[in-house]
Amino acid sequence: MDLKFKLVHIALGVLFLAQIGESQNATFDITKYGANANADISEAVGKAFKEACQSTSPSTIVIPKGTFQMNQVKLEGHAKDLLNFKSKPL
């Protein structure tokens, strides 16, 4: 009986850790896609959005601290999970 109880607890612990790993938020910083301060970031935002849509975990597109310009950008896609935009304060 004790061995079964321990095995159940071990199995539940493994499942819990696996769930935590799956729920990690994927972060997509636009500077990794070529965005630079005081320049048009439209293309970088589009690339980050496209990649974030493919993520199977919640995703955040991050616009870092600074001043950025953006012209018209077409965001196409259907996110596989929750998708957020986040701007860091100046």
PDB file of N, CA and C in Angstrom:
ATOM      1  N   MET A   1       0.822  -1.199   0.000  1.00  0.00           N
ATOM      2  CA  MET A   1       0.000   0.000   0.000  1.00  0.00           C
ATOM      3  C   MET A   1       0.863   1.260   0.000  1.00  0.00           C
ATOM      4  N   ASP A   2       1.921   1.271   0.787  1.00  0.00           N
ATOM      5  CA  ASP A   2       2.813   2.421   0.834  1.00  0.00           C
ATOM      6  C   ASP A   2       3.494   2.671  -0.503  1.00  0.00           C
ATOM      7  N   LEU A   3       3.905   1.626  -1.179  1.00  0.00           N
ATOM      8  CA  LEU A   3       4.578   1.762  -2.466  1.00  0.00           C
ATOM      9  C   LEU A   3       3.640   2.362  -3.510  1.00  0.00           C
ATOM     10  N   LYS A   4       2.386   1.909  -3.536  1.00  0.00           N
ATOM     11  CA  LYS A   4       1.408   2.463  -4.481  1.00  0.00           C
ATOM     12  C   LYS A   4       1.183   3.952  -4.206  1.00  0.00           C
ATOM     13  N   PHE A   5       1.075   4.305  -2.942  1.00  0.00           N
ATOM     14  CA  PHE A   5       0.865   5.692  -2.540  1.00  0.00           C
ATOM     15  C   PHE A   5       2.030   6.568  -3.011  1.00  0.00           C
ATOM     16  N   LYS A   6       3.274   6.084  -2.828  1.00  0.00           N
ATOM     17  CA  LYS A   6       4.447   6.836  -3.257  1.00  0.00           C
ATOM     18  C   LYS A   6       4.498   6.956  -4.779  1.00  0.00           C
ATOM     19  N   LEU A   7       4.173   5.883  -5.487  1.00  0.00           N
ATOM     20  CA  LEU A   7       4.186   5.920  -6.949  1.00  0.00           C
ATOM     21  C   LEU A   7       3.159   6.910  -7.491  1.00  0.00           C
ATOM     22  N   VAL A   8       1.991   6.957  -6.862  1.00  0.00           N
ATOM     23  CA  VAL A   8       0.963   7.910  -7.282  1.00  0.00           C
ATOM     24  C   VAL A   8       1.462   9.337  -7.071  1.00  0.00           C
ATOM     25  N   HIS A   9       2.084   9.606  -5.947  1.00  0.00           N
ATOM     26  CA  HIS A   9       2.605  10.946  -5.672  1.00  0.00           C
ATOM     27  C   HIS A   9       3.726  11.322  -6.643  1.00  0.00           C
ATOM     28  N   ILE A  10       4.584  10.372  -6.968  1.00  0.00           N
ATOM     29  CA  ILE A  10       5.654  10.638  -7.929  1.00  0.00           C
ATOM     30  C   ILE A  10       5.061  10.949  -9.298  1.00  0.00           C
ATOM     31  N   ALA A  11       4.078  10.151  -9.722  1.00  0.00           N
ATOM     32  CA  ALA A  11       3.439  10.370 -11.019  1.00  0.00           C
ATOM     33  C   ALA A  11       2.751  11.731 -11.065  1.00  0.00           C
ATOM     34  N   LEU A  12       2.062  12.104 -10.007  1.00  0.00           N
ATOM     35  CA  LEU A  12       1.407  13.408  -9.963  1.00  0.00           C
ATOM     36  C   LEU A  12       2.436  14.540  -9.998  1.00  0.00           C
ATOM     37  N   GLY A  13       3.556  14.357  -9.327  1.00  0.00           N
ATOM     38  CA  GLY A  13       4.611  15.363  -9.346  1.00  0.00           C
ATOM     39  C   GLY A  13       5.189  15.548 -10.741  1.00  0.00           C
ATOM     40  N   VAL A  14       5.405  14.445 -11.446  1.00  0.00           N
ATOM     41  CA  VAL A  14       5.925  14.519 -12.816  1.00  0.00           C
ATOM     42  C   VAL A  14       4.925  15.229 -13.719  1.00  0.00           C
ATOM     43  N   LEU A  15       3.654  14.901 -13.599  1.00  0.00           N
ATOM     44  CA  LEU A  15       2.627  15.562 -14.407  1.00  0.00           C
ATOM     45  C   LEU A  15       2.564  17.058 -14.104  1.00  0.00           C
ATOM     46  N   PHE A  16       2.684  17.418 -12.841  1.00  0.00           N
ATOM     47  CA  PHE A  16       2.670  18.823 -12.444  1.00  0.00           C
ATOM     48  C   PHE A  16       3.840  19.575 -13.073  1.00  0.00           C
ATOM     49  N   LEU A  17       5.035  18.990 -13.005  1.00  0.00           N
ATOM     50  CA  LEU A  17       6.211  19.636 -13.594  1.00  0.00           C
ATOM     51  C   LEU A  17       6.088  19.743 -15.108  1.00  0.00           C
ATOM     52  N   ALA A  18       5.506  18.741 -15.737  1.00  0.00           N
ATOM     53  CA  ALA A  18       5.305  18.792 -17.187  1.00  0.00           C
ATOM     54  C   ALA A  18       4.340  19.913 -17.545  1.00  0.00           C
ATOM     55  N   GLN A  19       3.297  20.096 -16.749  1.00  0.00           N
ATOM     56  CA  GLN A  19       2.317  21.151 -17.002  1.00  0.00           C
ATOM     57  C   GLN A  19       2.949  22.526 -16.852  1.00  0.00           C
ATOM     58  N   ILE A  20       3.816  22.687 -15.866  1.00  0.00           N
ATOM     59  CA  ILE A  20       4.500  23.958 -15.671  1.00  0.00           C
ATOM     60  C   ILE A  20       5.367  24.267 -16.890  1.00  0.00           C
ATOM     61  N   GLY A  21       6.079  23.271 -17.385  1.00  0.00           N
ATOM     62  CA  GLY A  21       6.916  23.471 -18.562  1.00  0.00           C
ATOM     63  C   GLY A  21       6.113  23.866 -19.781  1.00  0.00           C
ATOM     64  N   GLU A  22       4.935  23.297 -19.956  1.00  0.00           N
ATOM     65  CA  GLU A  22       4.103  23.609 -21.110  1.00  0.00           C
ATOM     66  C   GLU A  22       3.485  24.998 -21.022  1.00  0.00           C
ATOM     67  N   SER A  23       3.294  25.515 -19.814  1.00  0.00           N
ATOM     68  CA  SER A  23       2.605  26.783 -19.656  1.00  0.00           C
ATOM     69  C   SER A  23       3.555  27.979 -19.691  1.00  0.00           C
ATOM     70  N   GLN A  24       4.825  27.752 -20.035  1.00  0.00           N
ATOM     71  CA  GLN A  24       5.769  28.852 -20.134  1.00  0.00           C
ATOM     72  C   GLN A  24       5.346  29.797 -21.254  1.00  0.00           C
ATOM     73  N   ASN A  25       5.445  31.060 -20.979  1.00  0.00           N
ATOM     74  CA  ASN A  25       5.072  32.079 -21.957  1.00  0.00           C
ATOM     75  C   ASN A  25       6.235  32.297 -22.927  1.00  0.00           C
ATOM     76  N   ALA A  26       5.966  32.157 -24.214  1.00  0.00           N
ATOM     77  CA  ALA A  26       6.981  32.425 -25.234  1.00  0.00           C
ATOM     78  C   ALA A  26       7.046  33.930 -25.448  1.00  0.00           C
ATOM     79  N   THR A  27       8.262  34.487 -25.485  1.00  0.00           N
ATOM     80  CA  THR A  27       8.451  35.924 -25.642  1.00  0.00           C
ATOM     81  C   THR A  27       9.139  36.208 -26.973  1.00  0.00           C
ATOM     82  N   PHE A  28       8.603  37.182 -27.691  1.00  0.00           N
ATOM     83  CA  PHE A  28       9.131  37.568 -28.994  1.00  0.00           C
ATOM     84  C   PHE A  28       9.452  39.058 -28.954  1.00  0.00           C
ATOM     85  N   ASP A  29      10.732  39.370 -28.736  1.00  0.00           N
ATOM     86  CA  ASP A  29      11.212  40.748 -28.652  1.00  0.00           C
ATOM     87  C   ASP A  29      11.450  41.239 -30.078  1.00  0.00           C
ATOM     88  N   ILE A  30      10.816  42.337 -30.447  1.00  0.00           N
ATOM     89  CA  ILE A  30      10.903  42.816 -31.829  1.00  0.00           C
ATOM     90  C   ILE A  30      12.323  43.175 -32.244  1.00  0.00           C
ATOM     91  N   THR A  31      13.211  43.478 -31.284  1.00  0.00           N
ATOM     92  CA  THR A  31      14.591  43.786 -31.656  1.00  0.00           C
ATOM     93  C   THR A  31      15.307  42.558 -32.209  1.00  0.00           C
ATOM     94  N   LYS A  32      14.833  41.374 -31.870  1.00  0.00           N
ATOM     95  CA  LYS A  32      15.403  40.133 -32.403  1.00  0.00           C
ATOM     96  C   LYS A  32      14.989  39.923 -33.860  1.00  0.00           C
ATOM     97  N   TYR A  33      14.042  40.708 -34.320  1.00  0.00           N
ATOM     98  CA  TYR A  33      13.542  40.613 -35.693  1.00  0.00           C
ATOM     99  C   TYR A  33      13.947  41.828 -36.524  1.00  0.00           C
ATOM    100  N   GLY A  34      14.927  42.573 -36.037  1.00  0.00           N
ATOM    101  CA  GLY A  34      15.475  43.686 -36.794  1.00  0.00           C
ATOM    102  C   GLY A  34      14.976  45.068 -36.431  1.00  0.00           C
ATOM    103  N   ALA A  35      14.148  45.203 -35.419  1.00  0.00           N
ATOM    104  CA  ALA A  35      13.642  46.521 -35.029  1.00  0.00           C
ATOM    105  C   ALA A  35      14.744  47.344 -34.359  1.00  0.00           C
ATOM    106  N   ASN A  36      14.795  48.605 -34.719  1.00  0.00           N
ATOM    107  CA  ASN A  36      15.732  49.549 -34.117  1.00  0.00           C
ATOM    108  C   ASN A  36      14.974  50.801 -33.695  1.00  0.00           C
ATOM    109  N   ALA A  37      15.447  51.415 -32.618  1.00  0.00           N
ATOM    110  CA  ALA A  37      14.823  52.652 -32.144  1.00  0.00           C
ATOM    111  C   ALA A  37      14.906  53.723 -33.226  1.00  0.00           C
ATOM    112  N   ASN A  38      13.898  54.567 -33.255  1.00  0.00           N
ATOM    113  CA  ASN A  38      13.804  55.679 -34.212  1.00  0.00           C
ATOM    114  C   ASN A  38      13.793  55.228 -35.663  1.00  0.00           C
ATOM    115  N   ALA A  39      13.306  54.027 -35.906  1.00  0.00           N
ATOM    116  CA  ALA A  39      13.193  53.502 -37.269  1.00  0.00           C
ATOM    117  C   ALA A  39      11.855  52.774 -37.390  1.00  0.00           C
ATOM    118  N   ASP A  40      11.450  52.504 -38.612  1.00  0.00           N
ATOM    119  CA  ASP A  40      10.184  51.806 -38.863  1.00  0.00           C
ATOM    120  C   ASP A  40      10.292  50.349 -38.396  1.00  0.00           C
ATOM    121  N   ILE A  41       9.414  49.945 -37.508  1.00  0.00           N
ATOM    122  CA  ILE A  41       9.441  48.588 -36.962  1.00  0.00           C
ATOM    123  C   ILE A  41       8.348  47.701 -37.558  1.00  0.00           C
ATOM    124  N   SER A  42       7.661  48.175 -38.579  1.00  0.00           N
ATOM    125  CA  SER A  42       6.538  47.435 -39.156  1.00  0.00           C
ATOM    126  C   SER A  42       6.917  46.010 -39.559  1.00  0.00           C
ATOM    127  N   GLU A  43       8.038  45.866 -40.265  1.00  0.00           N
ATOM    128  CA  GLU A  43       8.452  44.543 -40.735  1.00  0.00           C
ATOM    129  C   GLU A  43       8.794  43.626 -39.559  1.00  0.00           C
ATOM    130  N   ALA A  44       9.501  44.150 -38.562  1.00  0.00           N
ATOM    131  CA  ALA A  44       9.885  43.351 -37.392  1.00  0.00           C
ATOM    132  C   ALA A  44       8.656  42.900 -36.605  1.00  0.00           C
ATOM    133  N   VAL A  45       7.678  43.780 -36.451  1.00  0.00           N
ATOM    134  CA  VAL A  45       6.441  43.414 -35.746  1.00  0.00           C
ATOM    135  C   VAL A  45       5.715  42.314 -36.519  1.00  0.00           C
ATOM    136  N   GLY A  46       5.667  42.446 -37.844  1.00  0.00           N
ATOM    137  CA  GLY A  46       5.016  41.421 -38.666  1.00  0.00           C
ATOM    138  C   GLY A  46       5.686  40.069 -38.532  1.00  0.00           C
ATOM    139  N   LYS A  47       7.023  40.046 -38.525  1.00  0.00           N
ATOM    140  CA  LYS A  47       7.766  38.789 -38.376  1.00  0.00           C
ATOM    141  C   LYS A  47       7.539  38.174 -36.996  1.00  0.00           C
ATOM    142  N   ALA A  48       7.591  39.000 -35.955  1.00  0.00           N
ATOM    143  CA  ALA A  48       7.375  38.507 -34.596  1.00  0.00           C
ATOM    144  C   ALA A  48       5.957  37.955 -34.446  1.00  0.00           C
ATOM    145  N   PHE A  49       4.981  38.659 -35.028  1.00  0.00           N
ATOM    146  CA  PHE A  49       3.591  38.211 -34.960  1.00  0.00           C
ATOM    147  C   PHE A  49       3.421  36.858 -35.645  1.00  0.00           C
ATOM    148  N   LYS A  50       4.009  36.711 -36.823  1.00  0.00           N
ATOM    149  CA  LYS A  50       3.894  35.456 -37.575  1.00  0.00           C
ATOM    150  C   LYS A  50       4.468  34.293 -36.769  1.00  0.00           C
ATOM    151  N   GLU A  51       5.630  34.499 -36.171  1.00  0.00           N
ATOM    152  CA  GLU A  51       6.240  33.432 -35.379  1.00  0.00           C
ATOM    153  C   GLU A  51       5.457  33.165 -34.093  1.00  0.00           C
ATOM    154  N   ALA A  52       4.978  34.219 -33.447  1.00  0.00           N
ATOM    155  CA  ALA A  52       4.207  34.056 -32.209  1.00  0.00           C
ATOM    156  C   ALA A  52       2.918  33.279 -32.463  1.00  0.00           C
ATOM    157  N   CYS A  53       2.320  33.463 -33.622  1.00  0.00           N
ATOM    158  CA  CYS A  53       1.091  32.733 -33.960  1.00  0.00           C
ATOM    159  C   CYS A  53       1.325  31.230 -34.018  1.00  0.00           C
ATOM    160  N   GLN A  54       2.540  30.818 -34.337  1.00  0.00           N
ATOM    161  CA  GLN A  54       2.863  29.397 -34.437  1.00  0.00           C
ATOM    162  C   GLN A  54       3.115  28.742 -33.077  1.00  0.00           C
ATOM    163  N   SER A  55       3.314  29.546 -32.061  1.00  0.00           N
ATOM    164  CA  SER A  55       3.593  29.017 -30.735  1.00  0.00           C
ATOM    165  C   SER A  55       2.360  28.329 -30.161  1.00  0.00           C
ATOM    166  N   THR A  56       2.566  27.173 -29.540  1.00  0.00           N
ATOM    167  CA  THR A  56       1.452  26.441 -28.926  1.00  0.00           C
ATOM    168  C   THR A  56       1.292  26.784 -27.451  1.00  0.00           C
ATOM    169  N   SER A  57       2.076  27.753 -26.978  1.00  0.00           N
ATOM    170  CA  SER A  57       1.916  28.244 -25.603  1.00  0.00           C
ATOM    171  C   SER A  57       1.593  29.733 -25.681  1.00  0.00           C
ATOM    172  N   PRO A  58       1.087  30.312 -24.599  1.00  0.00           N
ATOM    173  CA  PRO A  58       0.795  31.746 -24.608  1.00  0.00           C
ATOM    174  C   PRO A  58       2.040  32.535 -25.017  1.00  0.00           C
ATOM    175  N   SER A  59       1.851  33.559 -25.836  1.00  0.00           N
ATOM    176  CA  SER A  59       2.973  34.325 -26.375  1.00  0.00           C
ATOM    177  C   SER A  59       2.815  35.810 -26.102  1.00  0.00           C
ATOM    178  N   THR A  60       3.953  36.472 -25.995  1.00  0.00           N
ATOM    179  CA  THR A  60       3.962  37.914 -25.814  1.00  0.00           C
ATOM    180  C   THR A  60       4.957  38.522 -26.792  1.00  0.00           C
ATOM    181  N   ILE A  61       4.485  39.493 -27.568  1.00  0.00           N
ATOM    182  CA  ILE A  61       5.360  40.270 -28.427  1.00  0.00           C
ATOM    183  C   ILE A  61       5.758  41.504 -27.633  1.00  0.00           C
ATOM    184  N   VAL A  62       7.061  41.688 -27.448  1.00  0.00           N
ATOM    185  CA  VAL A  62       7.567  42.757 -26.587  1.00  0.00           C
ATOM    186  C   VAL A  62       8.168  43.872 -27.427  1.00  0.00           C
ATOM    187  N   ILE A  63       7.727  45.084 -27.142  1.00  0.00           N
ATOM    188  CA  ILE A  63       8.324  46.290 -27.703  1.00  0.00           C
ATOM    189  C   ILE A  63       9.118  46.908 -26.552  1.00  0.00           C
ATOM    190  N   PRO A  64      10.453  46.882 -26.637  1.00  0.00           N
ATOM    191  CA  PRO A  64      11.267  47.325 -25.501  1.00  0.00           C
ATOM    192  C   PRO A  64      11.202  48.832 -25.275  1.00  0.00           C
ATOM    193  N   LYS A  65      11.799  49.232 -24.194  1.00  0.00           N
ATOM    194  CA  LYS A  65      11.875  50.652 -23.840  1.00  0.00           C
ATOM    195  C   LYS A  65      12.549  51.426 -24.966  1.00  0.00           C
ATOM    196  N   GLY A  66      11.982  52.549 -25.331  1.00  0.00           N
ATOM    197  CA  GLY A  66      12.554  53.366 -26.380  1.00  0.00           C
ATOM    198  C   GLY A  66      11.463  53.993 -27.229  1.00  0.00           C
ATOM    199  N   THR A  67      11.883  54.695 -28.256  1.00  0.00           N
ATOM    200  CA  THR A  67      10.954  55.329 -29.178  1.00  0.00           C
ATOM    201  C   THR A  67      11.053  54.613 -30.517  1.00  0.00           C
ATOM    202  N   PHE A  68       9.926  54.130 -31.005  1.00  0.00           N
ATOM    203  CA  PHE A  68       9.877  53.382 -32.251  1.00  0.00           C
ATOM    204  C   PHE A  68       8.823  53.995 -33.163  1.00  0.00           C
ATOM    205  N   GLN A  69       9.016  53.830 -34.454  1.00  0.00           N
ATOM    206  CA  GLN A  69       8.048  54.295 -35.441  1.00  0.00           C
ATOM    207  C   GLN A  69       7.447  53.077 -36.121  1.00  0.00           C
ATOM    208  N   MET A  70       6.172  53.206 -36.490  1.00  0.00           N
ATOM    209  CA  MET A  70       5.556  52.097 -37.200  1.00  0.00           C
ATOM    210  C   MET A  70       4.592  52.643 -38.231  1.00  0.00           C
ATOM    211  N   ASN A  71       4.775  52.196 -39.448  1.00  0.00           N
ATOM    212  CA  ASN A  71       3.847  52.507 -40.516  1.00  0.00           C
ATOM    213  C   ASN A  71       2.783  51.428 -40.525  1.00  0.00           C
ATOM    214  N   GLN A  72       2.085  51.322 -41.601  1.00  0.00           N
ATOM    215  CA  GLN A  72       1.037  50.317 -41.706  1.00  0.00           C
ATOM    216  C   GLN A  72       1.668  48.922 -41.676  1.00  0.00           C
ATOM    217  N   VAL A  73       1.055  48.047 -40.901  1.00  0.00           N
ATOM    218  CA  VAL A  73       1.514  46.666 -40.832  1.00  0.00           C
ATOM    219  C   VAL A  73       0.293  45.757 -40.952  1.00  0.00           C
ATOM    220  N   LYS A  74       0.431  44.714 -41.732  1.00  0.00           N
ATOM    221  CA  LYS A  74      -0.666  43.768 -41.918  1.00  0.00           C
ATOM    222  C   LYS A  74      -0.358  42.527 -41.089  1.00  0.00           C
ATOM    223  N   LEU A  75      -1.202  42.275 -40.095  1.00  0.00           N
ATOM    224  CA  LEU A  75      -1.016  41.124 -39.223  1.00  0.00           C
ATOM    225  C   LEU A  75      -1.978  40.030 -39.665  1.00  0.00           C
ATOM    226  N   GLU A  76      -1.427  38.995 -40.266  1.00  0.00           N
ATOM    227  CA  GLU A  76      -2.239  37.885 -40.734  1.00  0.00           C
ATOM    228  C   GLU A  76      -1.854  36.636 -39.967  1.00  0.00           C
ATOM    229  N   GLY A  77      -2.844  35.860 -39.635  1.00  0.00           N
ATOM    230  CA  GLY A  77      -2.583  34.599 -38.956  1.00  0.00           C
ATOM    231  C   GLY A  77      -3.616  34.338 -37.898  1.00  0.00           C
ATOM    232  N   HIS A  78      -3.586  33.145 -37.419  1.00  0.00           N
ATOM    233  CA  HIS A  78      -4.480  32.746 -36.346  1.00  0.00           C
ATOM    234  C   HIS A  78      -3.615  32.127 -35.256  1.00  0.00           C
ATOM    235  N   ALA A  79      -3.558  32.775 -34.119  1.00  0.00           N
ATOM    236  CA  ALA A  79      -2.722  32.295 -33.021  1.00  0.00           C
ATOM    237  C   ALA A  79      -3.234  30.957 -32.507  1.00  0.00           C
ATOM    238  N   LYS A  80      -2.287  30.061 -32.198  1.00  0.00           N
ATOM    239  CA  LYS A  80      -2.634  28.750 -31.655  1.00  0.00           C
ATOM    240  C   LYS A  80      -2.920  28.821 -30.157  1.00  0.00           C
ATOM    241  N   ASP A  81      -2.549  29.922 -29.528  1.00  0.00           N
ATOM    242  CA  ASP A  81      -2.803  30.135 -28.104  1.00  0.00           C
ATOM    243  C   ASP A  81      -2.880  31.642 -27.878  1.00  0.00           C
ATOM    244  N   LEU A  82      -3.038  32.052 -26.655  1.00  0.00           N
ATOM    245  CA  LEU A  82      -3.167  33.471 -26.286  1.00  0.00           C
ATOM    246  C   LEU A  82      -1.952  34.258 -26.783  1.00  0.00           C
ATOM    247  N   LEU A  83      -2.205  35.434 -27.343  1.00  0.00           N
ATOM    248  CA  LEU A  83      -1.152  36.287 -27.876  1.00  0.00           C
ATOM    249  C   LEU A  83      -1.333  37.703 -27.355  1.00  0.00           C
ATOM    250  N   ASN A  84      -0.299  38.239 -26.731  1.00  0.00           N
ATOM    251  CA  ASN A  84      -0.326  39.587 -26.148  1.00  0.00           C
ATOM    252  C   ASN A  84       0.753  40.450 -26.751  1.00  0.00           C
ATOM    253  N   PHE A  85       0.512  41.762 -26.741  1.00  0.00           N
ATOM    254  CA  PHE A  85       1.552  42.746 -27.056  1.00  0.00           C
ATOM    255  C   PHE A  85       1.886  43.442 -25.754  1.00  0.00           C
ATOM    256  N   LYS A  86       3.167  43.682 -25.526  1.00  0.00           N
ATOM    257  CA  LYS A  86       3.583  44.338 -24.295  1.00  0.00           C
ATOM    258  C   LYS A  86       4.632  45.387 -24.628  1.00  0.00           C
ATOM    259  N   SER A  87       4.438  46.579 -24.121  1.00  0.00           N
ATOM    260  CA  SER A  87       5.394  47.662 -24.308  1.00  0.00           C
ATOM    261  C   SER A  87       5.993  48.002 -22.951  1.00  0.00           C
ATOM    262  N   LYS A  88       7.310  48.053 -22.895  1.00  0.00           N
ATOM    263  CA  LYS A  88       7.963  48.416 -21.643  1.00  0.00           C
ATOM    264  C   LYS A  88       7.903  49.924 -21.475  1.00  0.00           C
ATOM    265  N   PRO A  89       7.681  50.417 -20.254  1.00  0.00           N
ATOM    266  CA  PRO A  89       7.555  51.865 -20.029  1.00  0.00           C
ATOM    267  C   PRO A  89       8.847  52.611 -20.328  1.00  0.00           C
ATOM    268  N   LEU A  90       8.685  53.872 -20.731  1.00  0.00           N
ATOM    269  CA  LEU A  90       9.849  54.722 -21.031  1.00  0.00           C
ATOM    270  C   LEU A  90      10.645  55.025 -19.788  1.00  0.00           C
TER     271      LEU A  90
END
